[in-house]
């Protein structure tokens, strides 16, 4: 393996092993030593792989969003059923991710949005672009559902998609606060009414 490939592999390893830690504790609460410790990388070598903790955070968010969009494509674009059924599966995926004890796999957008948006303009921009991509994918499915008749609300698909995404972001915060699942039940009922499915 060439040196550049080893370097890329080590960077990817740090990102993958640190993600659950950041997902649990947040960005600011995790120090560089903890990141390197969980990755099994010698202390003091962080700056060999990332120019700063902010650069690490940027790459962590970029990688997370890329992987999330691939999962979305699998659910929304490659899944069977009509558009309403695919939106239903996406909402169920969201719920399962945050309820079934998958602490390290929880949404980094939900976990870090408020925290890093005030810390780093570059990280905020990555989140903005990422969430815009998520909403655009949802809007495409809603538009397809309106055309085929599985989604009854005929208002603007991008507006409905933004409302749906924001509804689930808010309900996820309420689940974190209450440590119970009823906010997702409410979000699902509101989603059904919003989309008329």
N, C-alpha and C. Protein backbone atom coordinates (compact mmCIF):
# COMPACT_ATOMS: atom_id res chain seq x y z
N UNK A 1 0.85 -1.18 0.00
CA UNK A 1 0.00 0.00 0.00
C UNK A 1 0.89 1.24 0.00
N UNK A 2 0.58 2.18 -0.89
CA UNK A 2 1.37 3.40 -0.99
C UNK A 2 1.14 4.29 0.23
N UNK A 3 2.04 5.22 0.45
CA UNK A 3 1.96 6.11 1.61
C UNK A 3 0.67 6.93 1.57
N UNK A 4 0.31 7.45 0.41
CA UNK A 4 -0.91 8.26 0.30
C UNK A 4 -2.14 7.42 0.63
N UNK A 5 -2.15 6.16 0.20
CA UNK A 5 -3.28 5.27 0.49
C UNK A 5 -3.35 4.96 1.99
N UNK A 6 -2.20 4.74 2.61
CA UNK A 6 -2.17 4.50 4.06
C UNK A 6 -2.68 5.72 4.83
N UNK A 7 -2.28 6.89 4.37
CA UNK A 7 -2.71 8.13 5.00
C UNK A 7 -4.24 8.28 4.89
N UNK A 8 -4.79 8.04 3.69
CA UNK A 8 -6.24 8.12 3.50
C UNK A 8 -6.97 7.08 4.36
N UNK A 9 -6.42 5.89 4.42
CA UNK A 9 -7.04 4.82 5.22
C UNK A 9 -7.04 5.18 6.70
N UNK A 10 -5.94 5.76 7.17
CA UNK A 10 -5.86 6.16 8.58
C UNK A 10 -6.86 7.28 8.88
N UNK A 11 -6.97 8.25 7.98
CA UNK A 11 -7.96 9.33 8.15
C UNK A 11 -9.36 8.76 8.23
N UNK A 12 -9.68 7.85 7.30
CA UNK A 12 -11.01 7.24 7.29
C UNK A 12 -11.26 6.46 8.57
N UNK A 13 -10.24 5.75 9.04
CA UNK A 13 -10.37 4.99 10.29
C UNK A 13 -10.67 5.92 11.47
N UNK A 14 -9.98 7.03 11.53
CA UNK A 14 -10.22 8.01 12.62
C UNK A 14 -11.65 8.50 12.54
N UNK A 15 -12.11 8.86 11.35
CA UNK A 15 -13.48 9.36 11.19
C UNK A 15 -14.51 8.31 11.60
N UNK A 16 -14.32 7.08 11.15
CA UNK A 16 -15.29 6.02 11.45
C UNK A 16 -15.34 5.66 12.93
N UNK A 17 -14.19 5.60 13.56
CA UNK A 17 -14.18 5.21 14.98
C UNK A 17 -14.59 6.36 15.89
N UNK A 18 -14.36 7.59 15.46
CA UNK A 18 -14.72 8.74 16.30
C UNK A 18 -16.20 9.11 16.18
N UNK A 19 -16.84 8.71 15.08
CA UNK A 19 -18.25 9.11 14.86
C UNK A 19 -19.16 8.72 16.02
N UNK A 20 -19.13 7.46 16.51
CA UNK A 20 -20.02 7.12 17.64
C UNK A 20 -19.75 7.97 18.88
N UNK A 21 -18.48 8.27 19.12
CA UNK A 21 -18.11 9.10 20.28
C UNK A 21 -18.69 10.50 20.14
N UNK A 22 -18.53 11.11 18.98
CA UNK A 22 -19.08 12.44 18.72
C UNK A 22 -20.61 12.37 18.77
N UNK A 23 -21.18 11.29 18.23
CA UNK A 23 -22.64 11.12 18.24
C UNK A 23 -23.20 11.04 19.65
N UNK A 24 -22.43 10.51 20.58
CA UNK A 24 -22.87 10.41 21.97
C UNK A 24 -22.65 11.70 22.74
N UNK A 25 -21.47 12.27 22.61
CA UNK A 25 -21.06 13.37 23.50
C UNK A 25 -21.12 14.75 22.88
N UNK A 26 -21.11 14.83 21.57
CA UNK A 26 -21.06 16.13 20.92
C UNK A 26 -19.65 16.46 20.47
N UNK A 27 -19.53 17.52 19.71
CA UNK A 27 -18.24 17.89 19.11
C UNK A 27 -17.31 18.53 20.13
N UNK A 28 -17.80 19.50 20.86
CA UNK A 28 -16.95 20.25 21.79
C UNK A 28 -16.51 19.43 22.99
N UNK A 29 -17.33 18.47 23.39
CA UNK A 29 -17.05 17.69 24.60
C UNK A 29 -15.99 16.61 24.38
N UNK A 30 -15.65 16.35 23.13
CA UNK A 30 -14.66 15.31 22.83
C UNK A 30 -13.34 15.96 22.45
N UNK A 31 -12.30 15.60 23.18
CA UNK A 31 -10.97 16.15 22.91
C UNK A 31 -10.21 15.32 21.90
N UNK A 32 -9.13 15.90 21.40
CA UNK A 32 -8.30 15.21 20.41
C UNK A 32 -7.73 13.91 20.96
N UNK A 33 -7.34 13.91 22.23
CA UNK A 33 -6.79 12.70 22.83
C UNK A 33 -7.81 11.57 22.82
N UNK A 34 -9.08 11.90 23.09
CA UNK A 34 -10.13 10.88 23.07
C UNK A 34 -10.34 10.33 21.66
N UNK A 35 -10.30 11.21 20.68
CA UNK A 35 -10.47 10.79 19.29
C UNK A 35 -9.37 9.82 18.90
N UNK A 36 -8.12 10.17 19.22
CA UNK A 36 -7.00 9.32 18.87
C UNK A 36 -7.00 8.02 19.67
N UNK A 37 -7.43 8.10 20.92
CA UNK A 37 -7.49 6.92 21.76
C UNK A 37 -8.47 5.89 21.19
N UNK A 38 -9.67 6.36 20.85
CA UNK A 38 -10.68 5.43 20.32
C UNK A 38 -10.25 4.88 18.96
N UNK A 39 -9.47 5.65 18.21
CA UNK A 39 -8.99 5.20 16.90
C UNK A 39 -7.75 4.33 17.00
N UNK A 40 -7.11 4.33 18.19
CA UNK A 40 -5.88 3.56 18.35
C UNK A 40 -4.71 4.16 17.61
N UNK A 41 -4.72 5.48 17.48
CA UNK A 41 -3.66 6.22 16.79
C UNK A 41 -2.78 6.87 17.86
N UNK A 42 -1.46 6.88 17.68
CA UNK A 42 -0.59 7.48 18.70
C UNK A 42 -0.95 8.93 18.99
N UNK A 43 -0.90 9.28 20.26
CA UNK A 43 -1.20 10.65 20.67
C UNK A 43 -0.20 11.60 20.01
N UNK A 44 -0.67 12.77 19.71
CA UNK A 44 0.19 13.76 19.09
C UNK A 44 0.24 13.68 17.58
N UNK A 45 -0.42 12.66 17.00
CA UNK A 45 -0.35 12.51 15.55
C UNK A 45 -1.60 13.04 14.83
N UNK A 46 -2.52 13.65 15.58
CA UNK A 46 -3.77 14.13 14.99
C UNK A 46 -3.50 15.08 13.82
N UNK A 47 -2.56 16.01 14.01
CA UNK A 47 -2.32 17.03 13.00
C UNK A 47 -1.57 16.47 11.78
N UNK A 48 -1.15 15.23 11.87
CA UNK A 48 -0.60 14.56 10.69
C UNK A 48 -1.73 14.21 9.72
N UNK A 49 -2.94 14.02 10.26
CA UNK A 49 -4.09 13.60 9.46
C UNK A 49 -5.09 14.71 9.18
N UNK A 50 -5.21 15.66 10.10
CA UNK A 50 -6.16 16.78 9.95
C UNK A 50 -5.47 18.06 10.37
N UNK A 51 -5.73 19.13 9.62
CA UNK A 51 -5.04 20.39 9.91
C UNK A 51 -5.53 21.01 11.23
N UNK A 52 -6.77 20.69 11.64
CA UNK A 52 -7.33 21.22 12.88
C UNK A 52 -8.52 20.35 13.30
N UNK A 53 -9.00 20.58 14.52
CA UNK A 53 -10.20 19.85 14.94
C UNK A 53 -11.39 20.27 14.08
N UNK A 54 -11.43 21.53 13.68
CA UNK A 54 -12.51 21.99 12.81
C UNK A 54 -12.46 21.27 11.47
N UNK A 55 -11.26 21.09 10.90
CA UNK A 55 -11.13 20.36 9.64
C UNK A 55 -11.59 18.91 9.81
N UNK A 56 -11.28 18.32 10.95
CA UNK A 56 -11.77 16.98 11.27
C UNK A 56 -13.30 16.98 11.30
N UNK A 57 -13.90 17.97 11.98
CA UNK A 57 -15.36 18.07 12.07
C UNK A 57 -16.00 18.25 10.71
N UNK A 58 -15.36 19.04 9.86
CA UNK A 58 -15.89 19.25 8.50
C UNK A 58 -15.92 17.92 7.74
N UNK A 59 -14.81 17.18 7.81
CA UNK A 59 -14.74 15.91 7.09
C UNK A 59 -15.70 14.89 7.69
N UNK A 60 -15.86 14.91 9.00
CA UNK A 60 -16.80 14.01 9.67
C UNK A 60 -18.22 14.26 9.16
N UNK A 61 -18.61 15.53 9.09
CA UNK A 61 -19.95 15.87 8.60
C UNK A 61 -20.12 15.54 7.13
N UNK A 62 -19.11 15.86 6.32
CA UNK A 62 -19.18 15.55 4.89
C UNK A 62 -19.38 14.05 4.66
N UNK A 63 -18.58 13.26 5.35
CA UNK A 63 -18.66 11.80 5.21
C UNK A 63 -20.01 11.29 5.69
N UNK A 64 -20.48 11.80 6.83
CA UNK A 64 -21.76 11.36 7.36
C UNK A 64 -22.89 11.67 6.36
N UNK A 65 -22.89 12.89 5.83
CA UNK A 65 -23.96 13.31 4.92
C UNK A 65 -23.92 12.47 3.64
N UNK A 66 -22.73 12.21 3.10
CA UNK A 66 -22.62 11.37 1.90
C UNK A 66 -23.23 9.99 2.15
N UNK A 67 -22.89 9.39 3.28
CA UNK A 67 -23.41 8.06 3.61
C UNK A 67 -24.92 8.10 3.85
N UNK A 68 -25.38 9.17 4.49
CA UNK A 68 -26.81 9.31 4.76
C UNK A 68 -27.59 9.41 3.45
N UNK A 69 -27.08 10.17 2.51
CA UNK A 69 -27.76 10.34 1.22
C UNK A 69 -27.82 9.02 0.46
N UNK A 70 -26.80 8.19 0.59
CA UNK A 70 -26.83 6.86 -0.03
C UNK A 70 -27.94 6.02 0.59
N UNK A 71 -28.07 6.07 1.94
CA UNK A 71 -29.15 5.34 2.61
C UNK A 71 -30.51 5.85 2.15
N UNK A 72 -30.62 7.18 2.04
CA UNK A 72 -31.88 7.77 1.56
C UNK A 72 -32.23 7.27 0.18
N UNK A 73 -31.22 7.24 -0.71
CA UNK A 73 -31.47 6.76 -2.07
C UNK A 73 -31.98 5.33 -2.05
N UNK A 74 -31.40 4.50 -1.20
CA UNK A 74 -31.85 3.11 -1.09
C UNK A 74 -33.32 3.03 -0.68
N UNK A 75 -33.70 3.89 0.26
CA UNK A 75 -35.08 3.86 0.78
C UNK A 75 -36.06 4.54 -0.18
N UNK A 76 -35.68 5.70 -0.67
CA UNK A 76 -36.63 6.52 -1.44
C UNK A 76 -36.63 6.24 -2.93
N UNK A 77 -35.47 5.92 -3.49
CA UNK A 77 -35.39 5.77 -4.94
C UNK A 77 -35.37 4.31 -5.38
N UNK A 78 -34.74 3.47 -4.61
CA UNK A 78 -34.54 2.08 -5.02
C UNK A 78 -35.52 1.12 -4.38
N UNK A 79 -36.38 1.65 -3.51
CA UNK A 79 -37.32 0.78 -2.81
C UNK A 79 -38.54 0.46 -3.64
N UNK A 80 -39.23 -0.57 -3.25
CA UNK A 80 -40.46 -0.96 -3.93
C UNK A 80 -41.62 -0.13 -3.37
N UNK A 81 -42.71 -0.13 -4.12
CA UNK A 81 -43.92 0.54 -3.65
C UNK A 81 -44.06 1.93 -4.22
N UNK A 82 -45.21 2.53 -3.93
CA UNK A 82 -45.47 3.88 -4.42
C UNK A 82 -44.74 4.91 -3.54
N UNK A 83 -44.86 6.15 -3.92
CA UNK A 83 -44.12 7.21 -3.22
C UNK A 83 -44.53 7.33 -1.76
N UNK A 84 -45.81 7.21 -1.47
CA UNK A 84 -46.28 7.29 -0.08
C UNK A 84 -45.67 6.17 0.76
N UNK A 85 -45.55 4.98 0.19
CA UNK A 85 -44.95 3.86 0.91
C UNK A 85 -43.45 4.09 1.14
N UNK A 86 -42.79 4.71 0.17
CA UNK A 86 -41.35 4.99 0.33
C UNK A 86 -41.12 6.08 1.38
N UNK A 87 -41.98 7.09 1.41
CA UNK A 87 -41.88 8.12 2.45
C UNK A 87 -42.13 7.48 3.82
N UNK A 88 -43.09 6.58 3.89
CA UNK A 88 -43.38 5.87 5.14
C UNK A 88 -42.15 5.09 5.61
N UNK A 89 -41.49 4.40 4.68
CA UNK A 89 -40.28 3.65 5.05
C UNK A 89 -39.18 4.59 5.54
N UNK A 90 -39.05 5.75 4.92
CA UNK A 90 -38.04 6.72 5.35
C UNK A 90 -38.33 7.20 6.78
N UNK A 91 -39.58 7.51 7.07
CA UNK A 91 -39.94 7.94 8.42
C UNK A 91 -39.69 6.81 9.43
N UNK A 92 -39.98 5.59 9.05
CA UNK A 92 -39.72 4.45 9.93
C UNK A 92 -38.23 4.26 10.16
N UNK A 93 -37.43 4.44 9.11
CA UNK A 93 -35.97 4.38 9.24
C UNK A 93 -35.48 5.44 10.23
N UNK A 94 -36.01 6.65 10.10
CA UNK A 94 -35.63 7.74 11.01
C UNK A 94 -35.96 7.35 12.44
N UNK A 95 -37.17 6.88 12.65
CA UNK A 95 -37.62 6.50 13.99
C UNK A 95 -36.74 5.38 14.56
N UNK A 96 -36.52 4.34 13.77
CA UNK A 96 -35.73 3.20 14.23
C UNK A 96 -34.31 3.61 14.61
N UNK A 97 -33.74 4.50 13.84
CA UNK A 97 -32.37 4.95 14.10
C UNK A 97 -32.26 5.63 15.47
N UNK A 98 -33.29 6.33 15.88
CA UNK A 98 -33.21 7.11 17.11
C UNK A 98 -33.85 6.43 18.32
N UNK A 99 -34.53 5.32 18.12
CA UNK A 99 -35.21 4.67 19.25
C UNK A 99 -34.57 3.36 19.63
N UNK A 100 -34.04 2.63 18.68
CA UNK A 100 -33.60 1.26 18.94
C UNK A 100 -32.20 1.15 19.53
N UNK A 101 -31.77 2.12 20.29
CA UNK A 101 -30.51 2.02 20.99
C UNK A 101 -29.27 2.14 20.13
N UNK A 102 -29.41 2.67 18.93
CA UNK A 102 -28.27 2.81 18.03
C UNK A 102 -27.54 4.13 18.32
N UNK A 103 -26.99 4.23 19.50
CA UNK A 103 -26.43 5.51 19.96
C UNK A 103 -25.41 6.07 18.99
N UNK A 104 -24.47 5.26 18.54
CA UNK A 104 -23.43 5.76 17.66
C UNK A 104 -23.89 6.07 16.26
N UNK A 105 -25.07 5.57 15.88
CA UNK A 105 -25.56 5.78 14.53
C UNK A 105 -26.60 6.88 14.43
N UNK A 106 -26.88 7.52 15.54
CA UNK A 106 -27.88 8.57 15.51
C UNK A 106 -27.44 9.71 14.61
N UNK A 107 -28.40 10.47 14.18
CA UNK A 107 -28.18 11.52 13.20
C UNK A 107 -27.22 12.60 13.73
N UNK A 108 -26.08 12.75 13.07
CA UNK A 108 -25.14 13.79 13.47
C UNK A 108 -25.68 15.17 13.18
N UNK A 109 -26.59 15.27 12.21
CA UNK A 109 -27.18 16.58 11.93
C UNK A 109 -27.99 17.04 13.14
N UNK A 110 -28.80 16.14 13.69
CA UNK A 110 -29.58 16.47 14.88
C UNK A 110 -28.66 16.76 16.06
N UNK A 111 -27.65 15.91 16.23
CA UNK A 111 -26.76 16.03 17.39
C UNK A 111 -25.93 17.31 17.35
N UNK A 112 -25.43 17.67 16.18
CA UNK A 112 -24.43 18.74 16.12
C UNK A 112 -24.90 20.08 15.56
N UNK A 113 -26.09 20.13 14.97
CA UNK A 113 -26.51 21.34 14.25
C UNK A 113 -26.41 22.60 15.09
N UNK A 114 -27.05 22.62 16.23
CA UNK A 114 -27.05 23.85 17.05
C UNK A 114 -25.65 24.14 17.58
N UNK A 115 -24.94 23.11 17.96
CA UNK A 115 -23.61 23.29 18.55
C UNK A 115 -22.60 23.84 17.55
N UNK A 116 -22.43 23.18 16.42
CA UNK A 116 -21.36 23.59 15.52
C UNK A 116 -21.73 24.77 14.64
N UNK A 117 -23.01 25.02 14.45
CA UNK A 117 -23.40 26.16 13.62
C UNK A 117 -22.96 27.47 14.23
N UNK A 118 -22.84 27.48 15.56
CA UNK A 118 -22.35 28.67 16.25
C UNK A 118 -20.82 28.69 16.37
N UNK A 119 -20.18 27.55 16.17
CA UNK A 119 -18.73 27.45 16.33
C UNK A 119 -17.97 27.67 15.03
N UNK A 120 -18.54 27.19 13.93
CA UNK A 120 -17.79 27.14 12.68
C UNK A 120 -18.69 27.44 11.50
N UNK A 121 -18.37 28.48 10.78
CA UNK A 121 -19.15 28.83 9.58
C UNK A 121 -19.01 27.74 8.52
N UNK A 122 -17.82 27.17 8.39
CA UNK A 122 -17.62 26.11 7.39
C UNK A 122 -18.43 24.86 7.73
N UNK A 123 -18.48 24.50 8.99
CA UNK A 123 -19.28 23.34 9.38
C UNK A 123 -20.77 23.63 9.21
N UNK A 124 -21.18 24.85 9.53
CA UNK A 124 -22.58 25.24 9.33
C UNK A 124 -22.96 25.14 7.85
N UNK A 125 -22.07 25.58 6.97
CA UNK A 125 -22.32 25.53 5.54
C UNK A 125 -22.47 24.08 5.06
N UNK A 126 -21.63 23.19 5.56
CA UNK A 126 -21.73 21.77 5.20
C UNK A 126 -23.09 21.23 5.63
N UNK A 127 -23.53 21.59 6.83
CA UNK A 127 -24.85 21.16 7.30
C UNK A 127 -25.96 21.74 6.44
N UNK A 128 -25.83 23.00 6.07
CA UNK A 128 -26.87 23.64 5.24
C UNK A 128 -26.98 22.94 3.88
N UNK A 129 -25.85 22.70 3.25
CA UNK A 129 -25.85 22.03 1.94
C UNK A 129 -26.39 20.61 2.08
N UNK A 130 -25.98 19.92 3.14
CA UNK A 130 -26.44 18.55 3.36
C UNK A 130 -27.94 18.47 3.59
N UNK A 131 -28.47 19.34 4.43
CA UNK A 131 -29.90 19.30 4.70
C UNK A 131 -30.70 19.71 3.45
N UNK A 132 -30.15 20.63 2.68
CA UNK A 132 -30.82 21.01 1.43
C UNK A 132 -30.90 19.80 0.49
N UNK A 133 -29.83 18.99 0.44
CA UNK A 133 -29.83 17.79 -0.41
C UNK A 133 -30.87 16.78 0.07
N UNK A 134 -30.99 16.63 1.39
CA UNK A 134 -31.99 15.72 1.96
C UNK A 134 -33.39 16.17 1.56
N UNK A 135 -33.67 17.45 1.73
CA UNK A 135 -35.00 17.99 1.42
C UNK A 135 -35.30 17.85 -0.08
N UNK A 136 -34.30 18.07 -0.93
CA UNK A 136 -34.51 17.92 -2.37
C UNK A 136 -34.89 16.49 -2.73
N UNK A 137 -34.25 15.50 -2.08
CA UNK A 137 -34.58 14.11 -2.35
C UNK A 137 -36.01 13.79 -1.90
N UNK A 138 -36.40 14.30 -0.74
CA UNK A 138 -37.76 14.08 -0.27
C UNK A 138 -38.76 14.74 -1.22
N UNK A 139 -38.42 15.96 -1.69
CA UNK A 139 -39.32 16.69 -2.59
C UNK A 139 -39.55 15.91 -3.88
N UNK A 140 -38.51 15.27 -4.41
CA UNK A 140 -38.67 14.49 -5.65
C UNK A 140 -39.68 13.35 -5.45
N UNK A 141 -39.61 12.70 -4.29
CA UNK A 141 -40.53 11.59 -4.03
C UNK A 141 -41.94 12.12 -3.82
N UNK A 142 -42.07 13.24 -3.12
CA UNK A 142 -43.40 13.84 -2.93
C UNK A 142 -44.00 14.21 -4.27
N UNK A 143 -43.20 14.83 -5.15
CA UNK A 143 -43.71 15.20 -6.48
C UNK A 143 -44.17 13.96 -7.25
N UNK A 144 -43.40 12.88 -7.15
CA UNK A 144 -43.79 11.63 -7.82
C UNK A 144 -45.09 11.10 -7.23
N UNK A 145 -45.23 11.22 -5.91
CA UNK A 145 -46.45 10.77 -5.25
C UNK A 145 -47.66 11.60 -5.62
N UNK A 146 -47.47 12.90 -5.80
CA UNK A 146 -48.56 13.76 -6.24
C UNK A 146 -49.00 13.38 -7.64
N UNK A 147 -48.02 13.08 -8.49
CA UNK A 147 -48.33 12.73 -9.87
C UNK A 147 -49.07 11.38 -9.96
N UNK A 148 -48.63 10.41 -9.15
CA UNK A 148 -49.27 9.09 -9.21
C UNK A 148 -50.53 9.00 -8.37
N UNK A 149 -50.73 9.99 -7.47
CA UNK A 149 -51.93 10.02 -6.65
C UNK A 149 -51.81 9.37 -5.28
N UNK A 150 -50.60 8.91 -4.90
CA UNK A 150 -50.45 8.31 -3.57
C UNK A 150 -50.27 9.36 -2.48
N UNK A 151 -49.95 10.61 -2.87
CA UNK A 151 -49.85 11.74 -1.95
C UNK A 151 -50.90 12.75 -2.39
N UNK A 152 -51.85 13.04 -1.49
CA UNK A 152 -53.00 13.85 -1.86
C UNK A 152 -52.79 15.35 -1.81
N UNK A 153 -51.85 15.83 -0.99
CA UNK A 153 -51.63 17.26 -0.88
C UNK A 153 -50.95 17.75 -2.15
N UNK A 154 -51.55 18.70 -2.81
CA UNK A 154 -51.02 19.19 -4.10
C UNK A 154 -50.22 20.48 -3.97
N UNK A 155 -49.93 20.91 -2.75
CA UNK A 155 -49.11 22.09 -2.57
C UNK A 155 -47.69 21.82 -3.07
N UNK A 156 -46.88 22.84 -3.12
CA UNK A 156 -45.50 22.74 -3.62
C UNK A 156 -44.75 21.59 -2.95
N UNK A 157 -44.19 20.68 -3.75
CA UNK A 157 -43.44 19.54 -3.21
C UNK A 157 -42.22 19.99 -2.39
N UNK A 158 -41.44 21.00 -2.84
CA UNK A 158 -40.31 21.45 -2.02
C UNK A 158 -40.76 22.00 -0.66
N UNK A 159 -41.88 22.73 -0.63
CA UNK A 159 -42.39 23.26 0.64
C UNK A 159 -42.83 22.12 1.56
N UNK A 160 -43.54 21.15 1.01
CA UNK A 160 -43.98 20.00 1.81
C UNK A 160 -42.77 19.21 2.33
N UNK A 161 -41.76 19.05 1.48
CA UNK A 161 -40.56 18.31 1.89
C UNK A 161 -39.84 19.03 3.02
N UNK A 162 -39.72 20.35 2.92
CA UNK A 162 -39.06 21.12 3.99
C UNK A 162 -39.85 21.00 5.29
N UNK A 163 -41.17 21.10 5.20
CA UNK A 163 -42.01 20.99 6.40
C UNK A 163 -41.88 19.59 7.02
N UNK A 164 -41.88 18.57 6.18
CA UNK A 164 -41.75 17.20 6.67
C UNK A 164 -40.41 17.00 7.38
N UNK A 165 -39.33 17.43 6.75
CA UNK A 165 -37.99 17.27 7.34
C UNK A 165 -37.89 18.04 8.66
N UNK A 166 -38.37 19.26 8.67
CA UNK A 166 -38.31 20.06 9.90
C UNK A 166 -39.16 19.46 11.01
N UNK A 167 -40.29 18.86 10.64
CA UNK A 167 -41.14 18.18 11.60
C UNK A 167 -40.39 17.04 12.29
N UNK A 168 -39.66 16.24 11.49
CA UNK A 168 -38.93 15.11 12.07
C UNK A 168 -37.70 15.56 12.83
N UNK A 169 -37.05 16.64 12.40
CA UNK A 169 -35.93 17.18 13.20
C UNK A 169 -36.43 17.61 14.57
N UNK A 170 -37.53 18.34 14.59
CA UNK A 170 -38.09 18.80 15.86
C UNK A 170 -38.54 17.66 16.75
N UNK A 171 -39.17 16.66 16.16
CA UNK A 171 -39.62 15.53 16.98
C UNK A 171 -38.43 14.77 17.55
N UNK A 172 -37.33 14.71 16.81
CA UNK A 172 -36.14 14.03 17.32
C UNK A 172 -35.58 14.76 18.53
N UNK A 173 -35.61 16.08 18.50
CA UNK A 173 -35.17 16.84 19.67
C UNK A 173 -36.08 16.57 20.86
N UNK A 174 -37.37 16.48 20.61
CA UNK A 174 -38.31 16.18 21.71
C UNK A 174 -38.10 14.77 22.26
N UNK A 175 -37.77 13.82 21.39
CA UNK A 175 -37.46 12.46 21.86
C UNK A 175 -36.23 12.50 22.76
N UNK A 176 -35.24 13.32 22.40
CA UNK A 176 -34.04 13.45 23.25
C UNK A 176 -34.40 14.05 24.61
N UNK A 177 -35.29 15.04 24.60
CA UNK A 177 -35.67 15.71 25.85
C UNK A 177 -36.51 14.79 26.73
N UNK A 178 -37.49 14.13 26.13
CA UNK A 178 -38.43 13.31 26.92
C UNK A 178 -37.93 11.89 27.16
N UNK A 179 -36.94 11.47 26.35
CA UNK A 179 -36.45 10.08 26.40
C UNK A 179 -37.59 9.08 26.26
N UNK A 180 -38.48 9.42 25.34
CA UNK A 180 -39.61 8.53 25.06
C UNK A 180 -40.02 8.72 23.61
N UNK A 181 -40.78 7.78 23.08
CA UNK A 181 -41.08 7.79 21.65
C UNK A 181 -42.36 8.51 21.22
N UNK A 182 -43.26 8.95 22.11
CA UNK A 182 -44.48 9.61 21.62
C UNK A 182 -44.26 10.78 20.65
N UNK A 183 -43.18 11.58 20.77
CA UNK A 183 -43.02 12.63 19.76
C UNK A 183 -42.94 12.08 18.33
N UNK A 184 -42.39 10.88 18.16
CA UNK A 184 -42.37 10.27 16.83
C UNK A 184 -43.76 9.82 16.39
N UNK A 185 -44.57 9.36 17.34
CA UNK A 185 -45.95 9.01 17.01
C UNK A 185 -46.69 10.24 16.51
N UNK A 186 -46.48 11.35 17.21
CA UNK A 186 -47.13 12.61 16.81
C UNK A 186 -46.61 13.08 15.45
N UNK A 187 -45.29 12.93 15.24
CA UNK A 187 -44.70 13.35 13.96
C UNK A 187 -45.27 12.52 12.82
N UNK A 188 -45.44 11.22 13.05
CA UNK A 188 -45.98 10.38 11.99
C UNK A 188 -47.42 10.76 11.66
N UNK A 189 -48.23 11.00 12.68
CA UNK A 189 -49.62 11.40 12.43
C UNK A 189 -49.66 12.73 11.69
N UNK A 190 -48.81 13.68 12.11
CA UNK A 190 -48.76 14.98 11.44
C UNK A 190 -48.26 14.83 10.00
N UNK A 191 -47.33 13.92 9.78
CA UNK A 191 -46.81 13.67 8.42
C UNK A 191 -47.91 13.14 7.51
N UNK A 192 -48.69 12.20 8.01
CA UNK A 192 -49.79 11.63 7.23
C UNK A 192 -50.79 12.72 6.84
N UNK A 193 -51.08 13.59 7.79
CA UNK A 193 -52.03 14.68 7.50
C UNK A 193 -51.44 15.70 6.55
N UNK A 194 -50.16 16.01 6.76
CA UNK A 194 -49.48 16.99 5.91
C UNK A 194 -49.50 16.53 4.45
N UNK A 195 -49.16 15.28 4.23
CA UNK A 195 -49.04 14.77 2.87
C UNK A 195 -50.35 14.22 2.31
N UNK A 196 -51.31 14.02 3.22
CA UNK A 196 -52.59 13.41 2.85
C UNK A 196 -52.37 12.01 2.25
N UNK A 197 -51.77 11.15 3.09
CA UNK A 197 -51.53 9.76 2.67
C UNK A 197 -52.30 8.81 3.59
